[in-house]
Amino acid sequence: MSITTAEPAAITGEEAMLAADTFARMAAGVGTVARCAPATVRLILTAFATGGHVLLEDLPGMGKTTLARALAAVTGGTARRVQCTPDLLPSDITGVTIFNERTREFEFHPGPAFTNVLIVDEINRTSPKTQSALLEVMQERQVTVDGTAHPVPRPFLVVATQNPVDLEGTFPLPEAQLDRFLMRLPLGYPGEEAELSLMRGSAVGSPEDLAAVLDSAEMARLSDVAERVIFAEPVYQYVLRLAQRTRGHARLRAGVSMRASIALCQAARMYALTDGRVYVTPEDIKALAGPVWGHRLVPLSGAATAEESAVLLDEVLAEVPVPVPHENRG
């Protein structure tokens, strides 16, 4: 007797539009306090809803921490911040077990990792030992202290920051840890009007004043809807050809991994949903290739900068044929 698994019901246009409206309201809330490009906000919301982590790479004072706190507020979650320094210990992130003399028992005291949005400022200024303490919580959504696993709240997002210019006294992230981030993004400078508003101190809100647009249960439902977004076979083949091209590129020591290809497909479904569409297009793949794959490339010269990754990926995208429109919807 064979057992067949029913295919999930196809996503409807109404579901897609409702999801897009939710994303629009979250983006509007974030945009009132974080003065960055709407395209960047869309990408970060895509990462969060997908369950991925984000590495913000930009100069100090660009609003990275404010953006992360706003993200926690519109999703009804909590945010905690860790300032990385060379003497930061793994237990400063995960928590410690302390002996309670009154009860005569050991008690676990949670660290900052027990939150919905963990802001890790200047992650490359702490030691590799402490950086590695983030690996388990980023991948497994739990920390292990004294042999006991402690799950962190859901949803859980790490927003790490690093300064790409001032590298003196830093510890570059190893490839294994970079691979834990779904996206690497710059924020860039705000527009003239936005910067003038910030200088005047006018029309600037606080993340704590933002109303929650959805809760953790609704965020989980967004993931369920995204899984039913149509991903046609020609678009899968397009992602595969792009990945294979990075692996054979003359200026790359290593292209993207299978994990990177899967991550791109997952993000593309959610990215399409932010636009109210029930299907993924090659344009979604092209828009996400840089944020999702750029930090995973290993050029012959060493670690790839954002600028170098962008050039290499532009070459790859130009060399791989795009599926014709009538193929995209299956």
Protein backbone atom coordinates (compact mmCIF):
# COMPACT_ATOMS: atom_id res chain seq x y z
CA MET A 1 0.00 0.00 0.00
CA SER A 2 1.52 3.32 -1.04
CA ILE A 3 1.09 6.53 0.91
CA THR A 4 0.82 9.73 -1.06
CA THR A 5 1.34 13.19 0.37
CA ALA A 6 -1.15 15.80 -0.74
CA GLU A 7 0.29 18.82 -2.47
CA PRO A 8 -0.27 22.11 -0.60
CA ALA A 9 -3.13 24.17 -1.95
CA ALA A 10 -2.04 26.75 -4.51
CA ILE A 11 -1.75 30.28 -3.21
CA THR A 12 -4.61 32.57 -4.18
CA GLY A 13 -4.35 36.13 -5.41
CA GLU A 14 -6.30 37.30 -2.37
CA GLU A 15 -3.80 35.69 0.01
CA ALA A 16 -0.92 37.29 -1.87
CA MET A 17 -2.49 40.74 -1.74
CA LEU A 18 -3.23 40.43 1.98
CA ALA A 19 0.41 39.48 2.58
CA ALA A 20 1.61 42.39 0.45
CA ASP A 21 -0.58 44.75 2.47
CA THR A 22 0.97 43.44 5.69
CA PHE A 23 4.46 44.02 4.32
CA ALA A 24 3.48 47.52 3.16
CA ARG A 25 2.24 48.44 6.64
CA MET A 26 5.42 47.08 8.25
CA ALA A 27 7.58 48.99 5.76
CA ALA A 28 5.59 52.18 6.40
CA GLY A 29 6.15 51.86 10.14
CA VAL A 30 9.87 51.19 9.76
CA GLY A 31 10.16 54.08 7.30
CA THR A 32 8.91 56.60 9.85
CA VAL A 33 11.98 56.12 12.07
CA ALA A 34 14.63 54.53 9.84
CA ARG A 35 15.66 56.77 6.97
CA CYS A 36 16.92 54.21 4.47
CA ALA A 37 15.84 53.28 0.96
CA PRO A 38 12.46 51.51 0.65
CA ALA A 39 14.19 48.78 -1.38
CA THR A 40 16.48 48.07 1.58
CA VAL A 41 13.54 47.90 4.00
CA ARG A 42 11.80 45.46 1.65
CA LEU A 43 14.88 43.23 1.58
CA ILE A 44 15.26 43.21 5.37
CA LEU A 45 11.57 42.42 5.89
CA THR A 46 11.96 39.62 3.34
CA ALA A 47 14.89 38.20 5.31
CA PHE A 48 13.07 38.42 8.64
CA ALA A 49 9.88 36.79 7.32
CA THR A 50 11.98 34.07 5.67
CA GLY A 51 13.70 33.36 8.98
CA GLY A 52 17.13 34.57 7.87
CA HIS A 53 19.75 36.80 9.46
CA VAL A 54 21.13 40.06 8.09
CA LEU A 55 24.63 41.55 8.04
CA LEU A 56 24.49 45.34 7.67
CA GLU A 57 27.78 46.59 6.34
CA ASP A 58 28.13 50.36 6.42
CA LEU A 59 29.76 53.33 8.13
CA PRO A 60 28.88 54.28 11.73
CA GLY A 61 25.96 56.63 12.25
CA MET A 62 23.88 55.36 9.35
CA GLY A 63 20.93 54.22 11.49
CA LYS A 64 21.61 50.48 11.55
CA THR A 65 20.58 50.02 15.19
CA THR A 66 17.47 52.17 14.80
CA LEU A 67 16.42 50.09 11.81
CA ALA A 68 16.75 46.83 13.77
CA ARG A 69 14.77 48.20 16.73
CA ALA A 70 12.03 49.40 14.38
CA LEU A 71 11.86 45.94 12.82
CA ALA A 72 11.27 44.38 16.24
CA ALA A 73 8.57 46.95 17.04
CA VAL A 74 6.45 46.44 13.90
CA THR A 75 6.55 42.67 14.39
CA GLY A 76 5.48 42.89 18.02
CA GLY A 77 8.78 41.52 19.28
CA THR A 78 11.62 42.47 21.56
CA ALA A 79 15.09 43.70 20.66
CA ARG A 80 18.35 43.53 22.57
CA ARG A 81 21.75 44.89 21.66
CA VAL A 82 25.30 43.59 22.16
CA GLN A 83 28.27 45.89 21.61
CA CYS A 84 31.15 43.71 20.45
CA THR A 85 34.60 44.28 21.94
CA PRO A 86 37.73 42.09 22.01
CA ASP A 87 37.04 41.03 25.62
CA LEU A 88 33.40 40.03 25.04
CA LEU A 89 32.82 36.44 26.18
CA PRO A 90 30.48 33.83 24.66
CA SER A 91 28.49 33.77 27.92
CA ASP A 92 27.87 37.52 27.50
CA ILE A 93 25.66 36.53 24.57
CA THR A 94 24.25 33.13 25.50
CA GLY A 95 23.84 33.45 29.28
CA VAL A 96 25.29 31.62 32.28
CA THR A 97 24.36 29.05 34.91
CA ILE A 98 24.60 30.41 38.45
CA PHE A 99 24.32 28.53 41.75
CA ASN A 100 21.40 29.77 43.85
CA GLU A 101 22.41 29.41 47.50
CA ARG A 102 18.81 29.78 48.67
CA THR A 103 17.42 26.90 46.60
CA ARG A 104 20.76 25.03 46.49
CA GLU A 105 20.30 24.54 42.75
CA PHE A 106 21.93 25.83 39.58
CA GLU A 107 19.80 28.30 37.61
CA PHE A 108 20.17 29.45 34.03
CA HIS A 109 20.28 33.22 33.52
CA PRO A 110 19.50 33.99 29.85
CA GLY A 111 21.77 36.32 27.90
CA PRO A 112 20.85 38.89 25.24
CA ALA A 113 20.30 36.12 22.68
CA PHE A 114 16.89 35.48 24.24
CA THR A 115 14.99 38.04 22.22
CA ASN A 116 13.31 38.35 18.82
CA VAL A 117 15.81 40.72 17.21
CA LEU A 118 19.41 40.50 18.44
CA ILE A 119 21.50 43.48 17.37
CA VAL A 120 25.19 42.56 17.28
CA ASP A 121 27.09 45.81 16.78
CA GLU A 122 30.51 45.63 15.11
CA ILE A 123 30.60 41.85 15.07
CA ASN A 124 34.10 41.81 13.60
CA ARG A 125 35.52 43.53 16.71
CA THR A 126 35.01 40.52 18.96
CA SER A 127 37.13 37.38 19.11
CA PRO A 128 36.56 34.33 16.89
CA LYS A 129 35.61 32.36 20.02
CA THR A 130 32.74 34.74 20.75
CA GLN A 131 31.78 34.96 17.09
CA SER A 132 31.46 31.18 17.03
CA ALA A 133 29.07 31.33 20.00
CA LEU A 134 26.58 32.92 17.62
CA LEU A 135 26.71 29.99 15.19
CA GLU A 136 24.50 27.63 17.16
CA VAL A 137 21.86 30.21 18.00
CA MET A 138 21.76 31.50 14.41
CA GLN A 139 21.46 28.03 12.92
CA GLU A 140 19.67 25.99 15.59
CA ARG A 141 17.65 28.74 17.34
CA GLN A 142 18.95 27.54 20.68
CA VAL A 143 21.96 27.86 22.98
CA THR A 144 23.60 25.06 24.92
CA VAL A 145 24.98 25.93 28.35
CA ASP A 146 26.46 23.25 30.61
CA GLY A 147 25.02 20.56 28.36
CA THR A 148 21.45 21.85 28.46
CA ALA A 149 19.76 23.28 25.36
CA HIS A 150 17.68 26.42 25.75
CA PRO A 151 15.52 27.49 22.77
CA VAL A 152 15.33 31.19 21.95
CA PRO A 153 12.02 32.97 21.19
CA ARG A 154 10.45 32.79 17.73
CA PRO A 155 10.76 34.59 15.43
CA PHE A 156 14.47 35.17 15.90
CA LEU A 157 16.67 37.41 13.79
CA VAL A 158 20.30 38.44 14.18
CA VAL A 159 21.08 41.85 12.74
CA ALA A 160 24.85 42.18 12.84
CA THR A 161 26.76 45.27 11.79
CA GLN A 162 30.31 45.91 10.72
CA ASN A 163 32.28 48.86 9.38
CA PRO A 164 33.82 47.95 6.00
CA VAL A 165 36.36 50.79 6.17
CA ASP A 166 37.96 50.75 9.63
CA LEU A 167 39.46 47.26 9.81
CA GLU A 168 42.28 47.89 12.28
CA GLY A 169 42.12 45.50 15.23
CA THR A 170 39.23 43.48 13.79
CA PHE A 171 38.63 39.76 13.36
CA PRO A 172 37.19 39.08 9.88
CA LEU A 173 34.24 36.71 9.92
CA PRO A 174 35.15 33.23 8.63
CA GLU A 175 33.29 31.83 5.65
CA ALA A 176 31.30 29.43 7.85
CA GLN A 177 29.85 32.31 9.83
CA LEU A 178 29.23 34.53 6.82
CA ASP A 179 27.19 31.67 5.36
CA ARG A 180 24.80 31.90 8.34
CA PHE A 181 23.61 35.30 7.13
CA LEU A 182 20.84 35.19 4.57
CA MET A 183 21.72 38.67 3.30
CA ARG A 184 24.49 41.25 3.45
CA LEU A 185 23.23 44.78 2.86
CA PRO A 186 24.51 48.36 2.89
CA LEU A 187 22.20 51.10 4.11
CA GLY A 188 23.73 54.01 2.22
CA TYR A 189 23.19 57.68 2.88
CA PRO A 190 19.61 58.98 3.23
CA GLY A 191 18.14 61.31 0.64
CA GLU A 192 18.58 65.07 0.99
CA GLU A 193 15.12 65.72 2.44
CA ALA A 194 15.45 62.85 4.91
CA GLU A 195 18.86 64.04 6.08
CA LEU A 196 17.60 67.61 6.46
CA SER A 197 14.71 66.32 8.59
CA LEU A 198 17.16 64.43 10.77
CA MET A 199 19.38 67.53 11.12
CA ARG A 200 16.38 69.65 12.15
CA GLY A 201 15.16 66.98 14.53
CA SER A 202 11.74 67.13 12.93
CA ALA A 203 9.41 64.28 12.02
CA VAL A 204 11.72 61.75 13.65
CA GLY A 205 9.94 59.07 15.64
CA SER A 206 11.17 56.45 18.05
CA PRO A 207 11.00 52.68 17.41
CA GLU A 208 9.32 52.29 20.81
CA ASP A 209 6.38 54.38 19.55
CA LEU A 210 5.64 52.09 16.60
CA ALA A 211 2.54 49.92 16.70
CA ALA A 212 2.88 46.20 16.00
CA VAL A 213 1.53 45.20 12.60
CA LEU A 214 1.56 41.47 13.30
CA ASP A 215 2.64 38.97 15.94
CA SER A 216 4.76 35.82 15.90
CA ALA A 217 1.81 33.59 14.95
CA GLU A 218 0.98 35.81 11.98
CA MET A 219 4.64 35.86 10.97
CA ALA A 220 4.58 32.06 10.93
CA ARG A 221 1.49 32.17 8.71
CA LEU A 222 3.38 34.41 6.27
CA SER A 223 5.99 31.66 5.98
CA ASP A 224 3.29 29.10 5.27
CA VAL A 225 1.83 31.29 2.52
CA ALA A 226 5.27 31.90 1.00
CA GLU A 227 5.89 28.15 0.73
CA ARG A 228 2.93 27.97 -1.66
CA VAL A 229 4.19 30.71 -3.97
CA ILE A 230 4.68 29.21 -7.44
CA PHE A 231 8.29 28.54 -8.38
CA ALA A 232 8.30 27.31 -11.98
CA GLU A 233 10.83 24.74 -13.18
CA PRO A 234 12.52 27.14 -15.66
CA VAL A 235 13.23 29.55 -12.79
CA TYR A 236 14.71 26.70 -10.72
CA GLN A 237 16.90 25.89 -13.71
CA TYR A 238 17.90 29.54 -13.95
CA VAL A 239 19.07 29.56 -10.31
CA LEU A 240 20.99 26.34 -10.92
CA ARG A 241 22.76 27.74 -13.99
CA LEU A 242 23.70 30.90 -12.09
CA ALA A 243 25.10 28.85 -9.21
CA GLN A 244 27.09 26.63 -11.57
CA ARG A 245 28.48 29.67 -13.34
CA THR A 246 29.84 31.07 -10.06
CA ARG A 247 31.55 27.74 -9.40
CA GLY A 248 33.36 27.87 -12.72
CA HIS A 249 34.21 31.58 -12.75
CA ALA A 250 37.88 32.29 -13.50
CA ARG A 251 38.15 34.93 -10.76
CA LEU A 252 36.49 32.89 -8.04
CA ARG A 253 38.21 30.35 -5.81
CA ALA A 254 34.79 29.07 -4.71
CA GLY A 255 31.30 29.78 -5.95
CA VAL A 256 28.06 29.52 -4.03
CA SER A 257 27.10 26.38 -2.12
CA MET A 258 23.93 24.31 -2.34
CA ARG A 259 22.79 26.01 0.87
CA ALA A 260 23.14 29.36 -0.90
CA SER A 261 20.97 28.18 -3.80
CA ILE A 262 18.27 26.98 -1.42
CA ALA A 263 18.44 30.26 0.51
CA LEU A 264 17.97 32.25 -2.69
CA CYS A 265 14.89 30.21 -3.64
CA GLN A 266 13.34 30.63 -0.19
CA ALA A 267 13.97 34.37 -0.17
CA ALA A 268 12.59 34.72 -3.70
CA ARG A 269 9.24 33.24 -2.66
CA MET A 270 8.90 35.74 0.19
CA TYR A 271 10.18 38.59 -2.00
CA ALA A 272 7.47 37.85 -4.57
CA LEU A 273 4.90 37.85 -1.78
CA THR A 274 5.94 41.36 -0.70
CA ASP A 275 4.86 42.45 -4.18
CA GLY A 276 1.52 40.64 -3.98
CA ARG A 277 2.46 38.05 -6.62
CA VAL A 278 1.69 34.34 -6.55
CA TYR A 279 4.75 33.38 -8.59
CA VAL A 280 8.53 34.00 -8.65
CA THR A 281 10.10 35.68 -11.68
CA PRO A 282 13.70 35.78 -12.91
CA GLU A 283 13.69 39.47 -11.94
CA ASP A 284 13.21 38.41 -8.31
CA ILE A 285 16.27 36.17 -8.61
CA LYS A 286 18.35 38.97 -10.12
CA ALA A 287 17.27 41.42 -7.42
CA LEU A 288 18.23 39.00 -4.64
CA ALA A 289 21.43 37.54 -6.09
CA GLY A 290 23.65 40.31 -4.70
CA PRO A 291 22.21 40.45 -1.15
CA VAL A 292 21.98 36.64 -0.79
CA TRP A 293 25.06 35.46 -2.69
CA GLY A 294 27.52 38.36 -2.56
CA HIS A 295 29.05 37.52 0.84
CA ARG A 296 29.25 33.82 -0.04
CA LEU A 297 31.62 34.27 -2.98
CA VAL A 298 35.31 33.55 -2.42
CA PRO A 299 37.47 35.37 -5.00
CA LEU A 300 41.05 34.44 -5.74
CA SER A 301 42.16 37.61 -3.93
CA GLY A 302 40.55 36.58 -0.62
CA ALA A 303 37.39 37.82 1.10
CA ALA A 304 35.06 39.62 -1.28
CA THR A 305 34.09 43.22 -0.64
CA ALA A 306 30.53 44.26 -1.44
CA GLU A 307 31.76 46.19 -4.47
CA GLU A 308 33.81 43.26 -5.81
CA SER A 309 30.93 40.84 -5.27
CA ALA A 310 28.58 43.14 -7.17
CA VAL A 311 30.92 43.26 -10.16
CA LEU A 312 31.38 39.48 -10.22
CA LEU A 313 27.66 38.78 -9.90
CA ASP A 314 26.86 41.29 -12.64
CA GLU A 315 29.19 39.32 -14.90
CA VAL A 316 27.49 36.04 -13.99
CA LEU A 317 23.99 37.48 -14.51
CA ALA A 318 25.03 38.86 -17.89
CA GLU A 319 26.39 35.50 -19.04
CA VAL A 320 23.45 33.26 -18.06
CA PRO A 321 20.36 33.43 -20.32
CA VAL A 322 17.14 34.50 -18.63
CA PRO A 323 14.07 32.26 -19.09
CA VAL A 324 11.57 33.78 -21.50
CA PRO A 325 8.39 35.22 -19.90
CA HIS A 326 5.96 32.48 -20.94
CA GLU A 327 8.10 29.89 -19.13
CA ASN A 328 8.08 31.60 -15.73
CA ARG A 329 4.67 30.60 -14.39
CA GLY A 330 4.89 26.87 -14.99
